[in-house]
Amino acid sequence: MTTTLIDLIRHGEPEGGPMFRGQTDHALSEQGWQQMRRAITPEDHWDVIVTSPLLRCTGFAREMADRLGVPMHTEQRLQEIGFGDWEGHTTDQVMATWGDALQQFWSNPVAYPPPGGETLADFRKRVSQAWAHWTQALAGQRVLVVCHGGVIRMVLAEILETPLEAAFRTMAVPYASRSRIRLDESPHGRLACLLSHGSLQG
């Protein structure tokens, strides 16, 4: 049997303040760097790091790869969901401009994607493809994945078999939170188990 341990960590607070950031490429704020560094313990060790290509992920991923002396892979499919016309706008701005569209999105993001944005089905498909690729390519290793709240929700929805329309509203993924998944591969198939989820900072 082959066992793979994967730690998913969401990026910390980005520069620019709260907004629908999606694929808008902001680096971590100073607060975000502090959040990420506090999320790592002296006992942590990984064999390899996989990261979203966006700056709020790659900066910390590179720091950890250099510190641990392990390889880092950048995976385009691990970008956050694209919010289309809402990118760069605050919640209040979206509500003022698009009315009930935001409430409809949160109620059923499958049926009501952001205008000009990525559909949830397409988002889940690319995240699932990236997950399948890297869990196979890095089988048997301890892996750190630095990514986004939406990406983590898609992975956990797959592991926990959560309906897609509920995936965004049933799991809190705060900045710098961590989720640990164990994958056991045997001749009888794969067993995927969520071992922990949350923030070391409470």
N, C-alpha and C. Protein backbone atom coordinates (compact mmCIF):
# COMPACT_ATOMS: atom_id res chain seq x y z
N MET A 1 0.84 -1.20 0.00
CA MET A 1 0.00 0.00 0.00
C MET A 1 0.88 1.25 0.00
N THR A 2 0.49 2.25 -0.79
CA THR A 2 1.20 3.53 -0.87
C THR A 2 0.39 4.61 -0.17
N THR A 3 1.03 5.32 0.76
CA THR A 3 0.35 6.39 1.50
C THR A 3 0.95 7.74 1.11
N THR A 4 0.08 8.68 0.79
CA THR A 4 0.48 10.04 0.44
C THR A 4 -0.20 11.00 1.42
N LEU A 5 0.57 11.89 2.01
CA LEU A 5 0.02 12.91 2.91
C LEU A 5 0.12 14.27 2.22
N ILE A 6 -1.01 14.96 2.14
CA ILE A 6 -1.06 16.24 1.44
C ILE A 6 -1.62 17.30 2.38
N ASP A 7 -0.87 18.37 2.57
CA ASP A 7 -1.32 19.52 3.33
C ASP A 7 -1.69 20.63 2.36
N LEU A 8 -2.95 21.01 2.36
CA LEU A 8 -3.41 22.16 1.59
C LEU A 8 -3.40 23.37 2.50
N ILE A 9 -2.76 24.45 2.10
CA ILE A 9 -2.77 25.67 2.89
C ILE A 9 -3.23 26.83 2.02
N ARG A 10 -4.20 27.58 2.56
CA ARG A 10 -4.65 28.76 1.84
C ARG A 10 -3.66 29.90 2.08
N HIS A 11 -3.50 30.73 1.08
CA HIS A 11 -2.64 31.91 1.21
C HIS A 11 -3.14 32.82 2.34
N GLY A 12 -2.26 33.69 2.82
CA GLY A 12 -2.64 34.69 3.81
C GLY A 12 -3.30 35.89 3.16
N GLU A 13 -3.51 36.92 3.97
CA GLU A 13 -4.17 38.14 3.48
C GLU A 13 -3.36 38.80 2.36
N PRO A 14 -3.99 39.10 1.21
CA PRO A 14 -3.26 39.78 0.14
C PRO A 14 -3.31 41.30 0.32
N GLU A 15 -2.46 41.97 -0.43
CA GLU A 15 -2.52 43.43 -0.50
C GLU A 15 -3.81 43.85 -1.21
N GLY A 16 -4.30 45.02 -0.85
CA GLY A 16 -5.45 45.57 -1.57
C GLY A 16 -6.76 45.51 -0.82
N GLY A 17 -6.80 44.79 0.32
CA GLY A 17 -8.02 44.75 1.11
C GLY A 17 -9.05 43.77 0.56
N PRO A 18 -10.19 43.62 1.26
CA PRO A 18 -11.22 42.66 0.85
C PRO A 18 -11.82 43.02 -0.50
N MET A 19 -11.95 42.03 -1.35
CA MET A 19 -12.56 42.20 -2.67
C MET A 19 -12.75 40.82 -3.28
N PHE A 20 -13.48 40.78 -4.39
CA PHE A 20 -13.53 39.57 -5.19
C PHE A 20 -12.25 39.52 -6.00
N ARG A 21 -11.26 38.83 -5.47
CA ARG A 21 -9.91 38.87 -6.05
C ARG A 21 -9.75 37.81 -7.14
N GLY A 22 -10.25 36.61 -6.90
CA GLY A 22 -10.17 35.57 -7.92
C GLY A 22 -8.79 35.44 -8.51
N GLN A 23 -8.66 35.77 -9.78
CA GLN A 23 -7.38 35.64 -10.48
C GLN A 23 -6.63 36.97 -10.60
N THR A 24 -7.14 38.03 -9.93
CA THR A 24 -6.39 39.27 -9.83
C THR A 24 -5.13 39.00 -9.02
N ASP A 25 -3.99 39.42 -9.52
CA ASP A 25 -2.72 38.90 -8.99
C ASP A 25 -2.07 39.86 -8.01
N HIS A 26 -2.48 39.79 -6.75
CA HIS A 26 -1.89 40.60 -5.69
C HIS A 26 -0.95 39.76 -4.83
N ALA A 27 0.12 40.35 -4.39
CA ALA A 27 1.05 39.68 -3.48
C ALA A 27 0.49 39.69 -2.07
N LEU A 28 1.11 38.92 -1.17
CA LEU A 28 0.72 38.92 0.23
C LEU A 28 1.02 40.28 0.87
N SER A 29 0.14 40.70 1.77
CA SER A 29 0.43 41.86 2.61
C SER A 29 1.40 41.43 3.71
N GLU A 30 1.92 42.38 4.46
CA GLU A 30 2.78 42.03 5.59
C GLU A 30 2.03 41.15 6.58
N GLN A 31 0.76 41.50 6.81
CA GLN A 31 -0.07 40.66 7.68
C GLN A 31 -0.20 39.25 7.12
N GLY A 32 -0.35 39.16 5.78
CA GLY A 32 -0.46 37.84 5.15
C GLY A 32 0.79 37.00 5.33
N TRP A 33 1.97 37.63 5.20
CA TRP A 33 3.22 36.91 5.46
C TRP A 33 3.27 36.40 6.89
N GLN A 34 2.87 37.21 7.84
CA GLN A 34 2.87 36.79 9.24
C GLN A 34 1.92 35.62 9.46
N GLN A 35 0.75 35.68 8.85
CA GLN A 35 -0.21 34.59 8.98
C GLN A 35 0.36 33.28 8.45
N MET A 36 1.02 33.33 7.31
CA MET A 36 1.57 32.12 6.72
C MET A 36 2.70 31.55 7.56
N ARG A 37 3.57 32.41 8.03
CA ARG A 37 4.70 31.91 8.83
C ARG A 37 4.24 31.34 10.17
N ARG A 38 3.18 31.90 10.73
CA ARG A 38 2.64 31.36 11.98
C ARG A 38 1.93 30.03 11.77
N ALA A 39 1.54 29.76 10.53
CA ALA A 39 0.81 28.52 10.24
C ALA A 39 1.73 27.31 10.12
N ILE A 40 3.04 27.54 10.12
CA ILE A 40 4.02 26.46 9.98
C ILE A 40 4.66 26.17 11.33
N THR A 41 4.82 24.88 11.64
CA THR A 41 5.41 24.47 12.91
C THR A 41 6.82 23.91 12.68
N PRO A 42 7.64 23.85 13.73
CA PRO A 42 8.98 23.26 13.58
C PRO A 42 8.94 21.80 13.16
N GLU A 43 7.84 21.12 13.43
CA GLU A 43 7.73 19.70 13.10
C GLU A 43 7.36 19.46 11.63
N ASP A 44 6.93 20.50 10.95
CA ASP A 44 6.48 20.33 9.57
C ASP A 44 7.65 19.98 8.65
N HIS A 45 7.40 19.02 7.78
CA HIS A 45 8.38 18.68 6.75
C HIS A 45 7.63 18.15 5.53
N TRP A 46 8.04 18.61 4.37
CA TRP A 46 7.45 18.13 3.12
C TRP A 46 8.57 17.74 2.16
N ASP A 47 8.26 16.81 1.28
CA ASP A 47 9.21 16.36 0.27
C ASP A 47 9.14 17.22 -0.98
N VAL A 48 8.01 17.88 -1.20
CA VAL A 48 7.79 18.63 -2.43
C VAL A 48 6.67 19.63 -2.18
N ILE A 49 6.69 20.74 -2.93
CA ILE A 49 5.68 21.78 -2.81
C ILE A 49 5.06 22.03 -4.18
N VAL A 50 3.74 22.14 -4.20
CA VAL A 50 3.00 22.49 -5.42
C VAL A 50 2.25 23.78 -5.11
N THR A 51 2.26 24.73 -6.05
CA THR A 51 1.65 26.03 -5.78
C THR A 51 0.84 26.55 -6.95
N SER A 52 -0.19 27.30 -6.62
CA SER A 52 -0.87 28.14 -7.61
C SER A 52 0.15 29.13 -8.18
N PRO A 53 -0.05 29.59 -9.41
CA PRO A 53 0.90 30.54 -10.00
C PRO A 53 0.71 31.98 -9.51
N LEU A 54 -0.34 32.26 -8.75
CA LEU A 54 -0.61 33.63 -8.35
C LEU A 54 0.33 34.06 -7.21
N LEU A 55 0.69 35.35 -7.21
CA LEU A 55 1.73 35.86 -6.31
C LEU A 55 1.45 35.61 -4.85
N ARG A 56 0.18 35.64 -4.45
CA ARG A 56 -0.14 35.44 -3.04
C ARG A 56 0.13 34.02 -2.57
N CYS A 57 0.44 33.15 -3.51
CA CYS A 57 0.81 31.77 -3.18
C CYS A 57 2.30 31.51 -3.45
N THR A 58 2.79 31.97 -4.59
CA THR A 58 4.14 31.58 -5.00
C THR A 58 5.23 32.15 -4.10
N GLY A 59 5.00 33.35 -3.54
CA GLY A 59 6.03 33.93 -2.68
C GLY A 59 6.34 33.05 -1.48
N PHE A 60 5.28 32.62 -0.80
CA PHE A 60 5.48 31.77 0.37
C PHE A 60 5.95 30.38 -0.02
N ALA A 61 5.41 29.84 -1.12
CA ALA A 61 5.83 28.51 -1.58
C ALA A 61 7.32 28.49 -1.87
N ARG A 62 7.84 29.54 -2.52
CA ARG A 62 9.27 29.61 -2.82
C ARG A 62 10.08 29.72 -1.54
N GLU A 63 9.62 30.51 -0.59
CA GLU A 63 10.33 30.63 0.69
C GLU A 63 10.43 29.27 1.38
N MET A 64 9.35 28.51 1.39
CA MET A 64 9.36 27.20 2.04
C MET A 64 10.23 26.21 1.27
N ALA A 65 10.16 26.24 -0.05
CA ALA A 65 10.98 25.33 -0.85
C ALA A 65 12.46 25.60 -0.62
N ASP A 66 12.83 26.87 -0.56
CA ASP A 66 14.23 27.22 -0.32
C ASP A 66 14.66 26.82 1.08
N ARG A 67 13.80 27.04 2.06
CA ARG A 67 14.14 26.71 3.44
C ARG A 67 14.33 25.21 3.64
N LEU A 68 13.45 24.43 3.01
CA LEU A 68 13.50 22.97 3.18
C LEU A 68 14.42 22.28 2.17
N GLY A 69 14.80 23.00 1.12
CA GLY A 69 15.62 22.38 0.09
C GLY A 69 14.88 21.32 -0.70
N VAL A 70 13.61 21.62 -1.04
CA VAL A 70 12.78 20.66 -1.77
C VAL A 70 12.30 21.30 -3.07
N PRO A 71 11.92 20.48 -4.06
CA PRO A 71 11.45 21.03 -5.32
C PRO A 71 10.10 21.72 -5.19
N MET A 72 9.85 22.69 -6.06
CA MET A 72 8.58 23.39 -6.12
C MET A 72 8.03 23.33 -7.54
N HIS A 73 6.76 22.99 -7.65
CA HIS A 73 6.10 22.93 -8.95
C HIS A 73 4.97 23.95 -8.99
N THR A 74 4.87 24.71 -10.08
CA THR A 74 3.79 25.67 -10.26
C THR A 74 2.73 25.05 -11.17
N GLU A 75 1.48 25.07 -10.68
CA GLU A 75 0.38 24.41 -11.39
C GLU A 75 -0.69 25.46 -11.74
N GLN A 76 -0.82 25.75 -13.04
CA GLN A 76 -1.76 26.76 -13.51
C GLN A 76 -3.20 26.43 -13.12
N ARG A 77 -3.54 25.16 -13.07
CA ARG A 77 -4.93 24.77 -12.80
C ARG A 77 -5.34 24.99 -11.35
N LEU A 78 -4.39 25.36 -10.50
CA LEU A 78 -4.71 25.63 -9.10
C LEU A 78 -4.98 27.11 -8.82
N GLN A 79 -5.16 27.91 -9.87
CA GLN A 79 -5.59 29.30 -9.67
C GLN A 79 -6.99 29.32 -9.04
N GLU A 80 -7.29 30.45 -8.37
CA GLU A 80 -8.62 30.63 -7.82
C GLU A 80 -9.65 30.73 -8.96
N ILE A 81 -10.92 30.54 -8.62
CA ILE A 81 -11.98 30.69 -9.59
C ILE A 81 -11.97 32.12 -10.14
N GLY A 82 -12.28 32.27 -11.41
CA GLY A 82 -12.34 33.59 -12.02
C GLY A 82 -13.70 34.23 -11.79
N PHE A 83 -13.71 35.41 -11.18
CA PHE A 83 -14.97 36.07 -10.85
C PHE A 83 -15.48 37.00 -11.95
N GLY A 84 -14.85 37.01 -13.10
CA GLY A 84 -15.36 37.77 -14.22
C GLY A 84 -15.49 39.26 -13.94
N ASP A 85 -16.68 39.81 -14.18
CA ASP A 85 -16.91 41.25 -14.00
C ASP A 85 -16.79 41.70 -12.55
N TRP A 86 -16.84 40.76 -11.61
CA TRP A 86 -16.73 41.12 -10.19
C TRP A 86 -15.29 41.27 -9.72
N GLU A 87 -14.34 40.87 -10.55
CA GLU A 87 -12.93 40.93 -10.14
C GLU A 87 -12.55 42.36 -9.73
N GLY A 88 -11.92 42.47 -8.57
CA GLY A 88 -11.44 43.76 -8.10
C GLY A 88 -12.49 44.60 -7.40
N HIS A 89 -13.73 44.12 -7.30
CA HIS A 89 -14.80 44.87 -6.66
C HIS A 89 -15.08 44.32 -5.26
N THR A 90 -15.49 45.19 -4.35
CA THR A 90 -15.88 44.76 -3.01
C THR A 90 -17.30 44.19 -3.05
N THR A 91 -17.69 43.55 -1.95
CA THR A 91 -19.04 43.02 -1.85
C THR A 91 -20.08 44.12 -2.01
N ASP A 92 -19.86 45.25 -1.35
CA ASP A 92 -20.82 46.37 -1.45
C ASP A 92 -20.93 46.88 -2.88
N GLN A 93 -19.80 46.95 -3.58
CA GLN A 93 -19.83 47.41 -4.97
C GLN A 93 -20.58 46.43 -5.87
N VAL A 94 -20.37 45.13 -5.64
CA VAL A 94 -21.08 44.13 -6.44
C VAL A 94 -22.58 44.21 -6.18
N MET A 95 -22.96 44.35 -4.93
CA MET A 95 -24.39 44.45 -4.60
C MET A 95 -25.02 45.70 -5.20
N ALA A 96 -24.27 46.81 -5.17
CA ALA A 96 -24.81 48.06 -5.71
C ALA A 96 -24.97 48.01 -7.22
N THR A 97 -24.07 47.30 -7.90
CA THR A 97 -24.08 47.29 -9.36
C THR A 97 -24.89 46.14 -9.94
N TRP A 98 -24.80 44.97 -9.30
CA TRP A 98 -25.43 43.77 -9.87
C TRP A 98 -26.65 43.28 -9.07
N GLY A 99 -27.07 44.02 -8.07
CA GLY A 99 -28.30 43.71 -7.35
C GLY A 99 -28.30 42.34 -6.71
N ASP A 100 -29.30 41.52 -7.06
CA ASP A 100 -29.49 40.22 -6.43
C ASP A 100 -28.54 39.15 -6.94
N ALA A 101 -27.70 39.48 -7.91
CA ALA A 101 -26.84 38.46 -8.51
C ALA A 101 -25.91 37.82 -7.48
N LEU A 102 -25.45 38.61 -6.51
CA LEU A 102 -24.53 38.05 -5.50
C LEU A 102 -25.26 37.06 -4.61
N GLN A 103 -26.46 37.41 -4.17
CA GLN A 103 -27.24 36.48 -3.34
C GLN A 103 -27.56 35.20 -4.10
N GLN A 104 -27.86 35.34 -5.37
CA GLN A 104 -28.13 34.15 -6.19
C GLN A 104 -26.89 33.28 -6.31
N PHE A 105 -25.73 33.91 -6.47
CA PHE A 105 -24.48 33.15 -6.55
C PHE A 105 -24.24 32.35 -5.28
N TRP A 106 -24.37 32.99 -4.13
CA TRP A 106 -24.12 32.27 -2.88
C TRP A 106 -25.16 31.18 -2.63
N SER A 107 -26.40 31.42 -3.09
CA SER A 107 -27.45 30.41 -2.89
C SER A 107 -27.25 29.21 -3.80
N ASN A 108 -26.83 29.47 -5.04
CA ASN A 108 -26.63 28.37 -5.99
C ASN A 108 -25.59 28.78 -7.03
N PRO A 109 -24.30 28.66 -6.68
CA PRO A 109 -23.25 29.11 -7.60
C PRO A 109 -23.17 28.29 -8.88
N VAL A 110 -23.74 27.10 -8.89
CA VAL A 110 -23.75 26.30 -10.12
C VAL A 110 -24.66 26.96 -11.16
N ALA A 111 -25.82 27.40 -10.72
CA ALA A 111 -26.80 27.98 -11.64
C ALA A 111 -26.56 29.45 -11.92
N TYR A 112 -25.88 30.15 -10.99
CA TYR A 112 -25.73 31.60 -11.12
C TYR A 112 -24.26 32.01 -10.97
N PRO A 113 -23.43 31.74 -11.97
CA PRO A 113 -22.03 32.18 -11.89
C PRO A 113 -21.93 33.70 -12.01
N PRO A 114 -20.83 34.29 -11.58
CA PRO A 114 -20.64 35.72 -11.77
C PRO A 114 -20.67 36.08 -13.25
N PRO A 115 -21.22 37.23 -13.61
CA PRO A 115 -21.25 37.61 -15.04
C PRO A 115 -19.84 37.66 -15.63
N GLY A 116 -19.67 36.95 -16.71
CA GLY A 116 -18.36 36.89 -17.36
C GLY A 116 -17.36 36.02 -16.63
N GLY A 117 -17.80 35.34 -15.57
CA GLY A 117 -16.88 34.55 -14.75
C GLY A 117 -16.84 33.09 -15.14
N GLU A 118 -16.02 32.36 -14.43
CA GLU A 118 -15.85 30.92 -14.65
C GLU A 118 -17.01 30.17 -14.00
N THR A 119 -17.54 29.19 -14.69
CA THR A 119 -18.59 28.39 -14.06
C THR A 119 -17.99 27.47 -13.01
N LEU A 120 -18.80 27.13 -12.02
CA LEU A 120 -18.30 26.26 -10.95
C LEU A 120 -17.96 24.87 -11.49
N ALA A 121 -18.71 24.42 -12.48
CA ALA A 121 -18.42 23.11 -13.07
C ALA A 121 -17.05 23.11 -13.75
N ASP A 122 -16.74 24.19 -14.48
CA ASP A 122 -15.44 24.28 -15.14
C ASP A 122 -14.32 24.40 -14.11
N PHE A 123 -14.57 25.18 -13.06
CA PHE A 123 -13.59 25.34 -11.99
C PHE A 123 -13.29 24.00 -11.33
N ARG A 124 -14.33 23.28 -10.96
CA ARG A 124 -14.11 21.99 -10.30
C ARG A 124 -13.39 21.02 -11.24
N LYS A 125 -13.71 21.06 -12.51
CA LYS A 125 -13.07 20.14 -13.46
C LYS A 125 -11.57 20.37 -13.50
N ARG A 126 -11.13 21.63 -13.61
CA ARG A 126 -9.68 21.87 -13.71
C ARG A 126 -8.98 21.58 -12.40
N VAL A 127 -9.62 21.89 -11.26
CA VAL A 127 -9.01 21.55 -9.97
C VAL A 127 -8.90 20.03 -9.82
N SER A 128 -9.94 19.32 -10.21
CA SER A 128 -9.92 17.85 -10.12
C SER A 128 -8.84 17.26 -11.01
N GLN A 129 -8.66 17.83 -12.18
CA GLN A 129 -7.60 17.35 -13.08
C GLN A 129 -6.23 17.57 -12.47
N ALA A 130 -6.01 18.74 -11.87
CA ALA A 130 -4.72 19.01 -11.22
C ALA A 130 -4.51 18.07 -10.03
N TRP A 131 -5.55 17.87 -9.24
CA TRP A 131 -5.48 16.98 -8.08
C TRP A 131 -5.13 15.56 -8.51
N ALA A 132 -5.80 15.06 -9.55
CA ALA A 132 -5.53 13.71 -10.03
C ALA A 132 -4.10 13.58 -10.53
N HIS A 133 -3.63 14.59 -11.25
CA HIS A 133 -2.27 14.53 -11.79
C HIS A 133 -1.23 14.49 -10.69
N TRP A 134 -1.30 15.43 -9.74
CA TRP A 134 -0.24 15.55 -8.74
C TRP A 134 -0.30 14.45 -7.68
N THR A 135 -1.48 13.98 -7.36
CA THR A 135 -1.54 12.88 -6.39
C THR A 135 -0.97 11.59 -6.97
N GLN A 136 -1.06 11.45 -8.28
CA GLN A 136 -0.44 10.30 -8.93
C GLN A 136 1.07 10.51 -9.08
N ALA A 137 1.45 11.69 -9.55
CA ALA A 137 2.88 11.97 -9.81
C ALA A 137 3.71 11.97 -8.53
N LEU A 138 3.10 12.37 -7.40
CA LEU A 138 3.83 12.50 -6.14
C LEU A 138 3.41 11.46 -5.11
N ALA A 139 2.89 10.36 -5.58
CA ALA A 139 2.40 9.31 -4.67
C ALA A 139 3.51 8.84 -3.74
N GLY A 140 3.16 8.65 -2.48
CA GLY A 140 4.11 8.16 -1.49
C GLY A 140 4.91 9.24 -0.80
N GLN A 141 4.66 10.51 -1.14
CA GLN A 141 5.42 11.61 -0.56
C GLN A 141 4.55 12.46 0.37
N ARG A 142 5.22 13.36 1.09
CA ARG A 142 4.53 14.38 1.88
C ARG A 142 4.54 15.66 1.07
N VAL A 143 3.36 16.17 0.77
CA VAL A 143 3.22 17.25 -0.20
C VAL A 143 2.55 18.47 0.46
N LEU A 144 3.10 19.65 0.21
CA LEU A 144 2.45 20.90 0.59
C LEU A 144 1.90 21.55 -0.66
N VAL A 145 0.61 21.89 -0.64
CA VAL A 145 -0.04 22.58 -1.74
C VAL A 145 -0.46 23.96 -1.25
N VAL A 146 0.10 25.01 -1.84
CA VAL A 146 -0.22 26.38 -1.47
C VAL A 146 -1.21 26.91 -2.51
N CYS A 147 -2.42 27.22 -2.05
CA CYS A 147 -3.46 27.57 -3.04
C CYS A 147 -4.50 28.51 -2.44
N HIS A 148 -5.75 28.35 -2.83
CA HIS A 148 -6.80 29.33 -2.56
C HIS A 148 -8.00 28.67 -1.87
N GLY A 149 -8.83 29.53 -1.27
CA GLY A 149 -10.00 29.01 -0.58
C GLY A 149 -10.92 28.22 -1.48
N GLY A 150 -11.17 28.74 -2.69
CA GLY A 150 -12.03 28.02 -3.61
C GLY A 150 -11.45 26.69 -4.04
N VAL A 151 -10.15 26.65 -4.28
CA VAL A 151 -9.49 25.40 -4.67
C VAL A 151 -9.62 24.36 -3.56
N ILE A 152 -9.37 24.80 -2.33
CA ILE A 152 -9.47 23.87 -1.20
C ILE A 152 -10.90 23.35 -1.06
N ARG A 153 -11.87 24.23 -1.25
CA ARG A 153 -13.27 23.79 -1.18
C ARG A 153 -13.59 22.74 -2.25
N MET A 154 -13.03 22.89 -3.43
CA MET A 154 -13.28 21.91 -4.49
C MET A 154 -12.65 20.56 -4.16
N VAL A 155 -11.43 20.58 -3.62
CA VAL A 155 -10.78 19.32 -3.24
C VAL A 155 -11.56 18.65 -2.12
N LEU A 156 -11.94 19.42 -1.11
CA LEU A 156 -12.66 18.82 0.02
C LEU A 156 -14.04 18.34 -0.40
N ALA A 157 -14.67 19.04 -1.32
CA ALA A 157 -15.96 18.58 -1.83
C ALA A 157 -15.83 17.21 -2.50
N GLU A 158 -14.72 17.02 -3.18
CA GLU A 158 -14.48 15.72 -3.82
C GLU A 158 -14.20 14.64 -2.77
N ILE A 159 -13.37 14.96 -1.79
CA ILE A 159 -13.04 13.98 -0.76
C ILE A 159 -14.27 13.62 0.08
N LEU A 160 -15.05 14.64 0.45
CA LEU A 160 -16.20 14.44 1.33
C LEU A 160 -17.50 14.16 0.57
N GLU A 161 -17.42 14.16 -0.77
CA GLU A 161 -18.58 13.91 -1.63
C GLU A 161 -19.70 14.91 -1.35
N THR A 162 -19.30 16.19 -1.23
CA THR A 162 -20.25 17.27 -1.02
C THR A 162 -20.85 17.69 -2.36
N PRO A 163 -22.16 17.90 -2.44
CA PRO A 163 -22.75 18.38 -3.70
C PRO A 163 -22.10 19.69 -4.13
N LEU A 164 -21.89 19.86 -5.41
CA LEU A 164 -21.17 21.00 -5.93
C LEU A 164 -21.85 22.32 -5.55
N GLU A 165 -23.17 22.36 -5.59
CA GLU A 165 -23.86 23.61 -5.31
C GLU A 165 -23.72 24.04 -3.85
N ALA A 166 -23.31 23.10 -2.97
CA ALA A 166 -23.13 23.43 -1.56
C ALA A 166 -21.68 23.62 -1.16
N ALA A 167 -20.76 23.39 -2.09
CA ALA A 167 -19.34 23.35 -1.74
C ALA A 167 -18.81 24.68 -1.22
N PHE A 168 -19.35 25.80 -1.72
CA PHE A 168 -18.83 27.10 -1.33
C PHE A 168 -19.35 27.56 0.04
N ARG A 169 -20.51 27.06 0.45
CA ARG A 169 -21.12 27.60 1.66
C ARG A 169 -21.06 26.65 2.86
N THR A 170 -20.48 25.48 2.71
CA THR A 170 -20.49 24.51 3.80
C THR A 170 -19.13 24.31 4.45
N MET A 171 -18.11 25.05 4.03
CA MET A 171 -16.77 24.87 4.59
C MET A 171 -16.07 26.22 4.72
N ALA A 172 -15.72 26.60 5.94
CA ALA A 172 -14.95 27.82 6.16
C ALA A 172 -13.48 27.55 5.88
N VAL A 173 -12.86 28.43 5.11
CA VAL A 173 -11.44 28.29 4.77
C VAL A 173 -10.78 29.66 4.98
N PRO A 174 -10.44 30.01 6.22
CA PRO A 174 -9.85 31.33 6.47
C PRO A 174 -8.42 31.42 5.95
N TYR A 175 -7.89 32.63 5.95
CA TYR A 175 -6.50 32.82 5.53
C TYR A 175 -5.57 31.92 6.33
N ALA A 176 -4.62 31.31 5.65
CA ALA A 176 -3.56 30.48 6.24
C ALA A 176 -4.09 29.24 6.95
N SER A 177 -5.32 28.84 6.66
CA SER A 177 -5.83 27.60 7.25
C SER A 177 -5.25 26.40 6.51
N ARG A 178 -5.23 25.27 7.20
CA ARG A 178 -4.61 24.07 6.65
C ARG A 178 -5.59 22.90 6.67
N SER A 179 -5.51 22.08 5.65
CA SER A 179 -6.30 20.86 5.56
C SER A 179 -5.36 19.71 5.21
N ARG A 180 -5.39 18.65 6.00
CA ARG A 180 -4.51 17.50 5.75
C ARG A 180 -5.34 16.33 5.24
N ILE A 181 -4.89 15.77 4.13
CA ILE A 181 -5.57 14.65 3.49
C ILE A 181 -4.60 13.49 3.37
N ARG A 182 -5.09 12.32 3.71
CA ARG A 182 -4.31 11.09 3.55
C ARG A 182 -4.92 10.26 2.42
N LEU A 183 -4.06 9.84 1.50
CA LEU A 183 -4.47 8.98 0.41
C LEU A 183 -3.76 7.65 0.53
N ASP A 184 -4.51 6.58 0.59
CA ASP A 184 -3.96 5.23 0.63
C ASP A 184 -4.33 4.51 -0.66
N GLU A 185 -3.32 4.10 -1.41
CA GLU A 185 -3.52 3.37 -2.65
C GLU A 185 -3.21 1.90 -2.42
N SER A 186 -4.13 1.04 -2.81
CA SER A 186 -3.94 -0.40 -2.67
C SER A 186 -4.46 -1.08 -3.93
N PRO A 187 -4.22 -2.38 -4.07
CA PRO A 187 -4.77 -3.08 -5.23
C PRO A 187 -6.29 -3.02 -5.30
N HIS A 188 -6.91 -2.65 -4.18
CA HIS A 188 -8.38 -2.61 -4.13
C HIS A 188 -8.93 -1.21 -4.41
N GLY A 189 -8.03 -0.23 -4.66
CA GLY A 189 -8.49 1.11 -4.96
C GLY A 189 -7.89 2.15 -4.03
N ARG A 190 -8.44 3.36 -4.09
CA ARG A 190 -7.94 4.49 -3.30
C ARG A 190 -8.89 4.81 -2.15
N LEU A 191 -8.31 5.03 -0.97
CA LEU A 191 -9.06 5.52 0.18
C LEU A 191 -8.56 6.93 0.47
N ALA A 192 -9.46 7.90 0.42
CA ALA A 192 -9.11 9.30 0.69
C ALA A 192 -9.79 9.74 1.98
N CYS A 193 -9.01 10.33 2.88
CA CYS A 193 -9.54 10.68 4.20
C CYS A 193 -9.06 12.08 4.60
N LEU A 194 -9.98 12.93 5.04
CA LEU A 194 -9.63 14.23 5.60
C LEU A 194 -9.23 14.02 7.05
N LEU A 195 -7.97 14.30 7.38
CA LEU A 195 -7.47 14.09 8.74
C LEU A 195 -7.67 15.30 9.63
N SER A 196 -7.55 16.50 9.07
CA SER A 196 -7.70 17.71 9.88
C SER A 196 -8.03 18.88 8.97
N HIS A 197 -8.68 19.89 9.58
CA HIS A 197 -9.02 21.09 8.81
C HIS A 197 -9.18 22.25 9.79
N GLY A 198 -8.52 23.38 9.49
CA GLY A 198 -8.67 24.53 10.34
C GLY A 198 -7.40 25.34 10.41
N SER A 199 -7.33 26.23 11.39
CA SER A 199 -6.20 27.14 11.54
C SER A 199 -5.46 26.90 12.82
N LEU A 200 -4.14 26.87 12.74
CA LEU A 200 -3.34 26.75 13.97
C LEU A 200 -3.49 27.99 14.85
N GLN A 201 -3.98 29.09 14.22
CA GLN A 201 -4.12 30.34 14.96
C GLN A 201 -5.52 30.49 15.58
N GLY A 202 -6.32 29.43 15.48
CA GLY A 202 -7.66 29.49 16.02
C GLY A 202 -8.61 30.28 15.14
